[in-house]
């Protein structure tokens, strides 16, 4: 490598560093007519703080108007509000918190849906049992020893009353 090539590489590297420095001092905001402005000078005083999209970290951005900020120094969730933009770690923590809350809500909703489906299946079974008892057909039962017998009318009436009680206890509307 010749001395000229080394000098050219160093010069190009220096320009890249200068471009990075210039980029760091750039303001990005919307002016009064709504156009996007990229400038190395701060926006005029009439530009609201909400229209300033990017400002160098070495200078202070214009403070938000006092009417827009809550008087107690807390954000909309009631948490202490920090000055300036959130750090990457804070944004990551907020994201993880939102995802955990979303997962929790999803699991709660799934549990409610499963419980509703289970209750509906139980109600269908109770309704089917009650319909069979009320149909008047002979019902075969088994005694303690496992011997089959047919239920009499008193036993059928007691079974119907129990089935109706079970349905009302399960909120089946029967």
N, C-alpha and C. Protein backbone atom coordinates (compact mmCIF):
# COMPACT_ATOMS: atom_id res chain seq x y z
N UNK A 1 0.84 -1.17 0.00
CA UNK A 1 0.00 0.00 0.00
C UNK A 1 0.90 1.24 0.00
N UNK A 2 0.56 2.13 -0.85
CA UNK A 2 1.39 3.33 -0.96
C UNK A 2 0.91 4.38 0.02
N UNK A 3 1.75 5.35 0.19
CA UNK A 3 1.44 6.45 1.10
C UNK A 3 0.22 7.23 0.63
N UNK A 4 0.04 7.35 -0.66
CA UNK A 4 -1.12 8.07 -1.21
C UNK A 4 -2.43 7.36 -0.90
N UNK A 5 -2.40 6.02 -1.00
CA UNK A 5 -3.61 5.25 -0.71
C UNK A 5 -3.96 5.34 0.77
N UNK A 6 -2.96 5.31 1.61
CA UNK A 6 -3.18 5.42 3.06
C UNK A 6 -3.79 6.77 3.39
N UNK A 7 -3.24 7.82 2.78
CA UNK A 7 -3.76 9.17 3.02
C UNK A 7 -5.19 9.28 2.53
N UNK A 8 -5.50 8.68 1.38
CA UNK A 8 -6.86 8.74 0.84
C UNK A 8 -7.82 7.99 1.77
N UNK A 9 -7.41 6.84 2.29
CA UNK A 9 -8.26 6.07 3.22
C UNK A 9 -8.50 6.85 4.51
N UNK A 10 -7.44 7.46 5.03
CA UNK A 10 -7.59 8.27 6.24
C UNK A 10 -8.50 9.46 5.99
N UNK A 11 -8.37 10.09 4.83
CA UNK A 11 -9.23 11.22 4.49
C UNK A 11 -10.69 10.79 4.40
N UNK A 12 -10.94 9.64 3.75
CA UNK A 12 -12.31 9.14 3.64
C UNK A 12 -12.87 8.80 5.02
N UNK A 13 -12.05 8.20 5.87
CA UNK A 13 -12.48 7.88 7.23
C UNK A 13 -12.81 9.16 8.01
N UNK A 14 -12.01 10.19 7.84
CA UNK A 14 -12.26 11.47 8.50
C UNK A 14 -13.58 12.08 8.04
N UNK A 15 -13.86 11.97 6.74
CA UNK A 15 -15.14 12.49 6.24
C UNK A 15 -16.32 11.72 6.83
N UNK A 16 -16.16 10.41 6.95
CA UNK A 16 -17.23 9.62 7.55
C UNK A 16 -17.48 10.04 8.99
N UNK A 17 -16.42 10.28 9.73
CA UNK A 17 -16.58 10.74 11.11
C UNK A 17 -17.26 12.10 11.16
N UNK A 18 -16.89 12.99 10.25
CA UNK A 18 -17.49 14.32 10.22
C UNK A 18 -18.98 14.22 9.88
N UNK A 19 -19.34 13.31 8.96
CA UNK A 19 -20.75 13.13 8.60
C UNK A 19 -21.53 12.62 9.81
N UNK A 20 -20.95 11.71 10.56
CA UNK A 20 -21.62 11.18 11.75
C UNK A 20 -21.84 12.26 12.78
N UNK A 21 -20.88 13.15 12.95
CA UNK A 21 -21.01 14.25 13.89
C UNK A 21 -22.08 15.22 13.43
N UNK A 22 -22.12 15.51 12.13
CA UNK A 22 -23.13 16.42 11.60
C UNK A 22 -24.52 15.79 11.75
N UNK A 23 -24.61 14.51 11.54
CA UNK A 23 -25.89 13.82 11.67
C UNK A 23 -26.40 13.89 13.10
N UNK A 24 -25.51 13.83 14.08
CA UNK A 24 -25.91 13.86 15.48
C UNK A 24 -26.49 15.21 15.88
N UNK A 25 -26.18 16.29 15.14
CA UNK A 25 -26.63 17.63 15.47
C UNK A 25 -27.85 18.05 14.66
N UNK A 26 -28.60 17.11 14.14
CA UNK A 26 -29.71 17.41 13.25
C UNK A 26 -31.02 17.51 14.01
N UNK A 27 -31.83 18.53 13.68
CA UNK A 27 -33.18 18.67 14.21
C UNK A 27 -34.15 18.19 13.15
N UNK A 28 -35.22 17.54 13.58
CA UNK A 28 -36.26 17.05 12.68
C UNK A 28 -37.59 17.47 13.30
N UNK A 29 -38.34 18.35 12.60
CA UNK A 29 -39.59 18.84 13.14
C UNK A 29 -40.55 19.22 12.03
N UNK A 30 -41.83 19.41 12.41
CA UNK A 30 -42.85 19.90 11.48
C UNK A 30 -43.00 21.39 11.72
N UNK A 31 -42.96 22.15 10.62
CA UNK A 31 -43.13 23.60 10.78
C UNK A 31 -44.61 23.94 10.87
N UNK A 32 -44.92 25.24 10.92
CA UNK A 32 -46.29 25.70 11.11
C UNK A 32 -47.21 25.25 9.98
N UNK A 33 -46.69 25.07 8.77
CA UNK A 33 -47.53 24.65 7.65
C UNK A 33 -47.59 23.13 7.52
N UNK A 34 -46.96 22.37 8.40
CA UNK A 34 -47.03 20.93 8.40
C UNK A 34 -45.94 20.24 7.61
N UNK A 35 -44.99 20.99 7.04
CA UNK A 35 -43.89 20.39 6.27
C UNK A 35 -42.82 19.87 7.22
N UNK A 36 -42.15 18.77 6.81
CA UNK A 36 -41.04 18.23 7.58
C UNK A 36 -39.80 19.07 7.32
N UNK A 37 -39.11 19.43 8.38
CA UNK A 37 -37.91 20.26 8.26
C UNK A 37 -36.75 19.52 8.93
N UNK A 38 -35.64 19.46 8.21
CA UNK A 38 -34.39 18.91 8.74
C UNK A 38 -33.42 20.08 8.80
N UNK A 39 -32.89 20.36 9.97
CA UNK A 39 -32.04 21.53 10.11
C UNK A 39 -31.00 21.30 11.19
N UNK A 40 -29.88 22.05 11.09
CA UNK A 40 -28.88 21.98 12.14
C UNK A 40 -29.09 23.09 13.16
N UNK A 41 -30.12 23.90 12.97
CA UNK A 41 -30.46 24.94 13.95
C UNK A 41 -31.77 24.56 14.64
N UNK A 42 -31.94 24.98 15.86
CA UNK A 42 -33.18 24.64 16.58
C UNK A 42 -34.40 25.23 15.88
N UNK A 43 -35.57 24.63 16.07
CA UNK A 43 -36.77 25.17 15.47
C UNK A 43 -37.14 26.52 16.09
N UNK A 44 -37.90 27.31 15.37
CA UNK A 44 -38.30 28.61 15.93
C UNK A 44 -39.15 28.43 17.19
N UNK A 45 -39.22 29.45 18.04
CA UNK A 45 -39.95 29.32 19.31
C UNK A 45 -41.43 29.00 19.15
N UNK A 46 -42.05 29.30 18.01
CA UNK A 46 -43.47 29.06 17.83
C UNK A 46 -43.83 27.61 17.56
N UNK A 47 -42.85 26.72 17.37
CA UNK A 47 -43.12 25.31 17.07
C UNK A 47 -43.44 24.58 18.37
N UNK A 48 -44.62 23.92 18.45
CA UNK A 48 -44.95 23.18 19.68
C UNK A 48 -43.98 22.02 19.91
N UNK A 49 -43.80 21.66 21.15
CA UNK A 49 -42.87 20.58 21.50
C UNK A 49 -43.29 19.25 20.88
N UNK A 50 -44.59 19.04 20.67
CA UNK A 50 -45.05 17.81 20.07
C UNK A 50 -44.67 17.67 18.61
N UNK A 51 -44.34 18.78 17.94
CA UNK A 51 -43.95 18.75 16.53
C UNK A 51 -42.46 18.51 16.35
N UNK A 52 -41.68 18.57 17.42
CA UNK A 52 -40.24 18.32 17.34
C UNK A 52 -40.04 16.81 17.43
N UNK A 53 -39.66 16.20 16.32
CA UNK A 53 -39.53 14.75 16.26
C UNK A 53 -38.15 14.27 16.69
N UNK A 54 -37.11 15.07 16.44
CA UNK A 54 -35.77 14.68 16.83
C UNK A 54 -34.97 15.93 17.14
N UNK A 55 -34.22 15.88 18.22
CA UNK A 55 -33.35 16.98 18.62
C UNK A 55 -32.05 16.37 19.14
N UNK A 56 -30.93 17.08 19.00
CA UNK A 56 -29.67 16.55 19.53
C UNK A 56 -29.75 16.32 21.03
N UNK A 57 -29.04 15.30 21.50
CA UNK A 57 -29.08 14.98 22.92
C UNK A 57 -28.28 15.97 23.76
N UNK A 58 -27.37 16.70 23.14
CA UNK A 58 -26.53 17.61 23.89
C UNK A 58 -27.26 18.89 24.26
N UNK A 59 -28.34 19.20 23.54
CA UNK A 59 -29.10 20.42 23.85
C UNK A 59 -30.46 20.04 24.39
N UNK A 60 -31.06 20.92 25.13
CA UNK A 60 -32.37 20.68 25.69
C UNK A 60 -33.43 21.03 24.66
N UNK A 61 -34.40 20.14 24.47
CA UNK A 61 -35.53 20.46 23.61
C UNK A 61 -36.42 21.45 24.34
N UNK A 62 -37.20 22.17 23.61
CA UNK A 62 -38.09 23.15 24.22
C UNK A 62 -39.04 22.42 25.16
N UNK A 63 -39.23 22.92 26.38
CA UNK A 63 -40.11 22.23 27.32
C UNK A 63 -41.56 22.28 26.85
N UNK A 64 -42.31 21.26 27.21
CA UNK A 64 -43.72 21.22 26.84
C UNK A 64 -44.46 22.31 27.59
N UNK A 65 -45.52 22.84 27.00
CA UNK A 65 -46.28 23.87 27.69
C UNK A 65 -46.83 23.36 29.02
N UNK A 66 -46.94 24.24 29.98
CA UNK A 66 -47.37 23.84 31.32
C UNK A 66 -48.79 23.30 31.31
N UNK A 67 -49.63 23.75 30.40
CA UNK A 67 -51.02 23.29 30.35
C UNK A 67 -51.10 21.83 29.92
N UNK A 68 -50.15 21.37 29.09
CA UNK A 68 -50.19 20.00 28.59
C UNK A 68 -49.71 19.00 29.63
N UNK A 69 -48.82 19.40 30.51
CA UNK A 69 -48.27 18.49 31.52
C UNK A 69 -49.17 18.49 32.75
N UNK A 70 -49.40 17.32 33.36
CA UNK A 70 -50.19 17.27 34.59
C UNK A 70 -49.49 18.05 35.70
N UNK A 71 -50.28 18.66 36.54
CA UNK A 71 -49.73 19.50 37.60
C UNK A 71 -49.00 18.69 38.66
N UNK A 72 -49.37 17.43 38.84
CA UNK A 72 -48.76 16.63 39.90
C UNK A 72 -47.48 15.93 39.47
N UNK A 73 -47.03 16.09 38.21
CA UNK A 73 -45.79 15.48 37.74
C UNK A 73 -45.93 14.00 37.45
N UNK A 74 -47.16 13.54 37.22
CA UNK A 74 -47.38 12.14 36.93
C UNK A 74 -47.97 12.01 35.53
N UNK A 75 -47.73 10.85 34.90
CA UNK A 75 -48.26 10.62 33.56
C UNK A 75 -49.71 10.14 33.66
N UNK A 76 -50.29 9.77 32.51
CA UNK A 76 -51.70 9.39 32.48
C UNK A 76 -52.01 8.15 33.30
N UNK A 77 -51.01 7.29 33.58
CA UNK A 77 -51.22 6.09 34.37
C UNK A 77 -51.01 6.33 35.86
N UNK A 78 -50.66 7.56 36.24
CA UNK A 78 -50.44 7.88 37.64
C UNK A 78 -49.04 7.58 38.13
N UNK A 79 -48.14 7.23 37.22
CA UNK A 79 -46.75 6.95 37.60
C UNK A 79 -45.94 8.23 37.51
N UNK A 80 -44.82 8.25 38.25
CA UNK A 80 -43.94 9.40 38.20
C UNK A 80 -43.43 9.59 36.78
N UNK A 81 -43.52 10.80 36.29
CA UNK A 81 -43.10 11.08 34.93
C UNK A 81 -41.64 11.53 34.94
N UNK A 82 -40.85 10.93 34.04
CA UNK A 82 -39.45 11.30 33.93
C UNK A 82 -39.32 12.38 32.87
N UNK A 83 -38.34 13.26 33.03
CA UNK A 83 -38.08 14.28 32.03
C UNK A 83 -37.37 13.67 30.86
N UNK A 84 -37.70 14.10 29.65
CA UNK A 84 -37.01 13.64 28.45
C UNK A 84 -37.54 12.32 27.94
N UNK A 85 -37.01 11.88 26.82
CA UNK A 85 -37.47 10.62 26.23
C UNK A 85 -37.02 9.42 27.07
N UNK A 86 -37.77 8.34 26.93
CA UNK A 86 -37.44 7.13 27.68
C UNK A 86 -36.21 6.46 27.08
N UNK A 87 -35.46 5.80 27.94
CA UNK A 87 -34.30 5.07 27.47
C UNK A 87 -34.76 3.76 26.82
N UNK A 88 -33.86 3.12 26.14
CA UNK A 88 -34.17 1.85 25.49
C UNK A 88 -34.60 0.82 26.53
N UNK A 89 -33.93 0.81 27.66
CA UNK A 89 -34.28 -0.15 28.72
C UNK A 89 -35.69 0.12 29.25
N UNK A 90 -36.06 1.39 29.42
CA UNK A 90 -37.41 1.73 29.89
C UNK A 90 -38.45 1.32 28.87
N UNK A 91 -38.17 1.58 27.59
CA UNK A 91 -39.12 1.19 26.54
C UNK A 91 -39.25 -0.32 26.47
N UNK A 92 -38.15 -1.03 26.62
CA UNK A 92 -38.18 -2.50 26.61
C UNK A 92 -38.99 -3.02 27.80
N UNK A 93 -38.80 -2.43 28.98
CA UNK A 93 -39.55 -2.85 30.16
C UNK A 93 -41.04 -2.57 29.97
N UNK A 94 -41.37 -1.42 29.40
CA UNK A 94 -42.77 -1.10 29.12
C UNK A 94 -43.37 -2.10 28.14
N UNK A 95 -42.61 -2.45 27.11
CA UNK A 95 -43.08 -3.42 26.11
C UNK A 95 -43.34 -4.78 26.77
N UNK A 96 -42.40 -5.23 27.59
CA UNK A 96 -42.56 -6.52 28.25
C UNK A 96 -43.77 -6.50 29.19
N UNK A 97 -43.99 -5.37 29.86
CA UNK A 97 -45.13 -5.25 30.75
C UNK A 97 -46.44 -5.32 29.96
N UNK A 98 -46.49 -4.61 28.83
CA UNK A 98 -47.70 -4.65 27.99
C UNK A 98 -47.95 -6.06 27.47
N UNK A 99 -46.89 -6.76 27.06
CA UNK A 99 -47.04 -8.12 26.54
C UNK A 99 -47.53 -9.06 27.65
N UNK A 100 -47.01 -8.91 28.86
CA UNK A 100 -47.43 -9.76 29.98
C UNK A 100 -48.91 -9.51 30.30
N UNK A 101 -49.32 -8.23 30.29
CA UNK A 101 -50.72 -7.90 30.54
C UNK A 101 -51.61 -8.48 29.44
N UNK A 102 -51.16 -8.40 28.21
CA UNK A 102 -51.92 -8.95 27.08
C UNK A 102 -52.06 -10.46 27.21
N UNK A 103 -50.96 -11.14 27.56
CA UNK A 103 -51.00 -12.59 27.76
C UNK A 103 -51.96 -12.96 28.89
N UNK A 104 -51.92 -12.19 29.97
CA UNK A 104 -52.79 -12.45 31.12
C UNK A 104 -54.25 -12.30 30.71
N UNK A 105 -54.57 -11.23 29.98
CA UNK A 105 -55.94 -11.02 29.53
C UNK A 105 -56.38 -12.14 28.59
N UNK A 106 -55.48 -12.58 27.71
CA UNK A 106 -55.79 -13.67 26.79
C UNK A 106 -56.08 -14.96 27.54
N UNK A 107 -55.28 -15.26 28.55
CA UNK A 107 -55.49 -16.48 29.33
C UNK A 107 -56.80 -16.40 30.12
N UNK A 108 -57.10 -15.22 30.68
CA UNK A 108 -58.35 -15.07 31.41
C UNK A 108 -59.55 -15.25 30.47
N UNK A 109 -59.46 -14.68 29.28
CA UNK A 109 -60.55 -14.81 28.30
C UNK A 109 -60.71 -16.28 27.88
N UNK A 110 -59.61 -16.98 27.67
CA UNK A 110 -59.67 -18.39 27.29
C UNK A 110 -60.29 -19.22 28.41
N UNK A 111 -59.95 -18.91 29.66
CA UNK A 111 -60.52 -19.63 30.79
C UNK A 111 -62.03 -19.38 30.89
N UNK A 112 -62.46 -18.13 30.65
CA UNK A 112 -63.89 -17.82 30.67
C UNK A 112 -64.62 -18.57 29.57
N UNK A 113 -64.02 -18.62 28.38
CA UNK A 113 -64.66 -19.32 27.27
C UNK A 113 -64.76 -20.82 27.55
N UNK A 114 -63.71 -21.39 28.15
CA UNK A 114 -63.73 -22.84 28.48
C UNK A 114 -64.80 -23.11 29.53
N UNK A 115 -64.89 -22.24 30.52
CA UNK A 115 -65.89 -22.42 31.57
C UNK A 115 -67.30 -22.32 30.98
N UNK A 116 -67.52 -21.38 30.07
CA UNK A 116 -68.83 -21.24 29.42
C UNK A 116 -69.16 -22.48 28.59
N UNK A 117 -68.18 -23.01 27.87
CA UNK A 117 -68.41 -24.21 27.06
C UNK A 117 -68.70 -25.41 27.96
N UNK A 118 -67.98 -25.55 29.07
CA UNK A 118 -68.22 -26.65 30.00
C UNK A 118 -69.62 -26.54 30.60
N UNK A 119 -70.03 -25.33 30.98
CA UNK A 119 -71.35 -25.12 31.55
C UNK A 119 -72.43 -25.44 30.52
N UNK A 120 -72.21 -25.06 29.27
CA UNK A 120 -73.17 -25.34 28.21
C UNK A 120 -73.30 -26.85 27.99
N UNK A 121 -72.19 -27.57 28.01
CA UNK A 121 -72.23 -29.03 27.84
C UNK A 121 -72.95 -29.68 29.01
N UNK A 122 -72.69 -29.20 30.23
CA UNK A 122 -73.37 -29.74 31.42
C UNK A 122 -74.86 -29.48 31.33
N UNK A 123 -75.26 -28.30 30.90
CA UNK A 123 -76.68 -27.97 30.77
C UNK A 123 -77.36 -28.87 29.74
N UNK A 124 -76.68 -29.10 28.63
CA UNK A 124 -77.25 -29.98 27.60
C UNK A 124 -77.46 -31.38 28.16
N UNK A 125 -76.52 -31.88 28.93
CA UNK A 125 -76.65 -33.21 29.53
C UNK A 125 -77.79 -33.24 30.54
N UNK A 126 -77.90 -32.20 31.37
CA UNK A 126 -78.99 -32.14 32.35
C UNK A 126 -80.35 -32.06 31.67
N UNK A 127 -80.44 -31.28 30.59
CA UNK A 127 -81.70 -31.15 29.86
C UNK A 127 -82.10 -32.49 29.23
N UNK A 128 -81.11 -33.18 28.69
CA UNK A 128 -81.38 -34.49 28.08
C UNK A 128 -81.87 -35.48 29.15
N UNK A 129 -81.23 -35.49 30.31
CA UNK A 129 -81.64 -36.37 31.41
C UNK A 129 -83.04 -36.03 31.88
N UNK A 130 -83.37 -34.74 32.03
CA UNK A 130 -84.69 -34.32 32.47
C UNK A 130 -85.75 -34.73 31.43
N UNK A 131 -85.43 -34.54 30.16
CA UNK A 131 -86.38 -34.93 29.11
C UNK A 131 -86.66 -36.43 29.14
N UNK A 132 -85.64 -37.21 29.38
CA UNK A 132 -85.82 -38.67 29.46
C UNK A 132 -86.69 -39.04 30.66
N UNK A 133 -86.46 -38.35 31.80
CA UNK A 133 -87.25 -38.64 32.99
C UNK A 133 -88.71 -38.24 32.80
N UNK A 134 -88.96 -37.15 32.12
CA UNK A 134 -90.32 -36.65 31.93
C UNK A 134 -91.05 -37.35 30.78
N UNK A 135 -90.35 -38.15 29.99
CA UNK A 135 -90.98 -38.79 28.84
C UNK A 135 -91.97 -39.89 29.24
N UNK A 136 -91.85 -40.41 30.43
CA UNK A 136 -92.78 -41.44 30.88
C UNK A 136 -92.30 -42.85 30.57
N UNK A 137 -91.20 -43.01 29.90
CA UNK A 137 -90.72 -44.35 29.61
C UNK A 137 -90.16 -44.99 30.87
N UNK A 138 -90.12 -46.29 30.87
CA UNK A 138 -89.61 -47.01 32.03
C UNK A 138 -88.11 -46.80 32.15
N UNK A 139 -87.64 -46.50 33.36
CA UNK A 139 -86.23 -46.22 33.60
C UNK A 139 -85.62 -47.38 34.39
N UNK A 140 -84.54 -47.93 33.85
CA UNK A 140 -83.85 -49.04 34.51
C UNK A 140 -82.79 -48.44 35.42
N UNK A 141 -82.75 -48.91 36.65
CA UNK A 141 -81.74 -48.49 37.63
C UNK A 141 -81.08 -49.73 38.20
N UNK A 142 -80.08 -49.51 39.02
CA UNK A 142 -79.36 -50.62 39.63
C UNK A 142 -79.31 -50.40 41.13
N UNK A 143 -79.51 -51.49 41.89
CA UNK A 143 -79.45 -51.39 43.34
C UNK A 143 -78.00 -51.48 43.82
N UNK A 144 -77.80 -51.53 45.16
CA UNK A 144 -76.45 -51.54 45.74
C UNK A 144 -75.63 -52.75 45.32
N UNK A 145 -76.31 -53.83 45.01
CA UNK A 145 -75.61 -55.07 44.64
C UNK A 145 -75.38 -55.16 43.13
N UNK A 146 -75.89 -54.17 42.37
CA UNK A 146 -75.70 -54.18 40.93
C UNK A 146 -76.81 -54.86 40.18
N UNK A 147 -77.89 -55.23 40.89
CA UNK A 147 -79.02 -55.87 40.24
C UNK A 147 -79.93 -54.82 39.60
N UNK A 148 -80.38 -55.05 38.36
CA UNK A 148 -81.25 -54.07 37.70
C UNK A 148 -82.69 -54.14 38.20
N UNK A 149 -83.35 -52.97 38.18
CA UNK A 149 -84.77 -52.89 38.52
C UNK A 149 -85.34 -51.67 37.82
N UNK A 150 -86.67 -51.59 37.72
CA UNK A 150 -87.32 -50.44 37.11
C UNK A 150 -87.77 -49.49 38.20
N UNK A 151 -87.53 -48.16 37.97
CA UNK A 151 -87.90 -47.14 38.95
C UNK A 151 -89.41 -46.98 38.96
N UNK A 152 -89.96 -46.80 40.18
CA UNK A 152 -91.40 -46.56 40.29
C UNK A 152 -91.69 -45.07 40.16
N UNK A 153 -92.98 -44.68 40.21
CA UNK A 153 -93.37 -43.28 39.98
C UNK A 153 -92.81 -42.34 41.05
N UNK A 154 -92.74 -42.76 42.31
CA UNK A 154 -92.22 -41.91 43.38
C UNK A 154 -90.73 -41.63 43.16
N UNK A 155 -90.01 -42.66 42.76
CA UNK A 155 -88.58 -42.50 42.49
C UNK A 155 -88.36 -41.60 41.28
N UNK A 156 -89.22 -41.76 40.25
CA UNK A 156 -89.13 -40.92 39.05
C UNK A 156 -89.39 -39.45 39.42
N UNK A 157 -90.40 -39.19 40.25
CA UNK A 157 -90.71 -37.82 40.66
C UNK A 157 -89.54 -37.20 41.43
N UNK A 158 -88.91 -37.98 42.31
CA UNK A 158 -87.75 -37.48 43.06
C UNK A 158 -86.59 -37.18 42.11
N UNK A 159 -86.39 -38.05 41.10
CA UNK A 159 -85.31 -37.83 40.14
C UNK A 159 -85.57 -36.58 39.29
N UNK A 160 -86.84 -36.36 38.92
CA UNK A 160 -87.19 -35.16 38.14
C UNK A 160 -86.93 -33.90 38.97
N UNK A 161 -87.33 -33.92 40.24
CA UNK A 161 -87.10 -32.76 41.12
C UNK A 161 -85.60 -32.49 41.27
N UNK A 162 -84.81 -33.56 41.43
CA UNK A 162 -83.35 -33.38 41.56
C UNK A 162 -82.76 -32.83 40.28
N UNK A 163 -83.21 -33.31 39.12
CA UNK A 163 -82.68 -32.82 37.83
C UNK A 163 -83.03 -31.34 37.64
N UNK A 164 -84.25 -30.95 38.03
CA UNK A 164 -84.63 -29.54 37.92
C UNK A 164 -83.81 -28.67 38.86
N UNK A 165 -83.55 -29.18 40.05
CA UNK A 165 -82.71 -28.45 41.02
C UNK A 165 -81.29 -28.31 40.48
N UNK A 166 -80.75 -29.36 39.89
CA UNK A 166 -79.41 -29.31 39.31
C UNK A 166 -79.34 -28.28 38.18
N UNK A 167 -80.39 -28.24 37.37
CA UNK A 167 -80.42 -27.28 36.26
C UNK A 167 -80.47 -25.85 36.76
N UNK A 168 -81.26 -25.59 37.80
CA UNK A 168 -81.35 -24.23 38.32
C UNK A 168 -80.04 -23.85 39.03
N UNK A 169 -79.39 -24.81 39.67
CA UNK A 169 -78.10 -24.55 40.32
C UNK A 169 -76.98 -24.30 39.33
N UNK A 170 -77.11 -24.88 38.13
CA UNK A 170 -76.10 -24.70 37.09
C UNK A 170 -76.41 -23.52 36.19
N UNK A 171 -77.49 -22.80 36.51
CA UNK A 171 -77.90 -21.62 35.73
C UNK A 171 -78.16 -22.00 34.28
N UNK A 172 -78.94 -23.07 34.10
CA UNK A 172 -79.26 -23.54 32.76
C UNK A 172 -80.55 -22.97 32.24
N UNK A 173 -81.31 -22.30 33.08
CA UNK A 173 -82.55 -21.70 32.62
C UNK A 173 -83.67 -22.70 32.47
N UNK A 174 -83.63 -23.82 33.14
CA UNK A 174 -84.68 -24.83 33.00
C UNK A 174 -85.43 -24.89 34.23
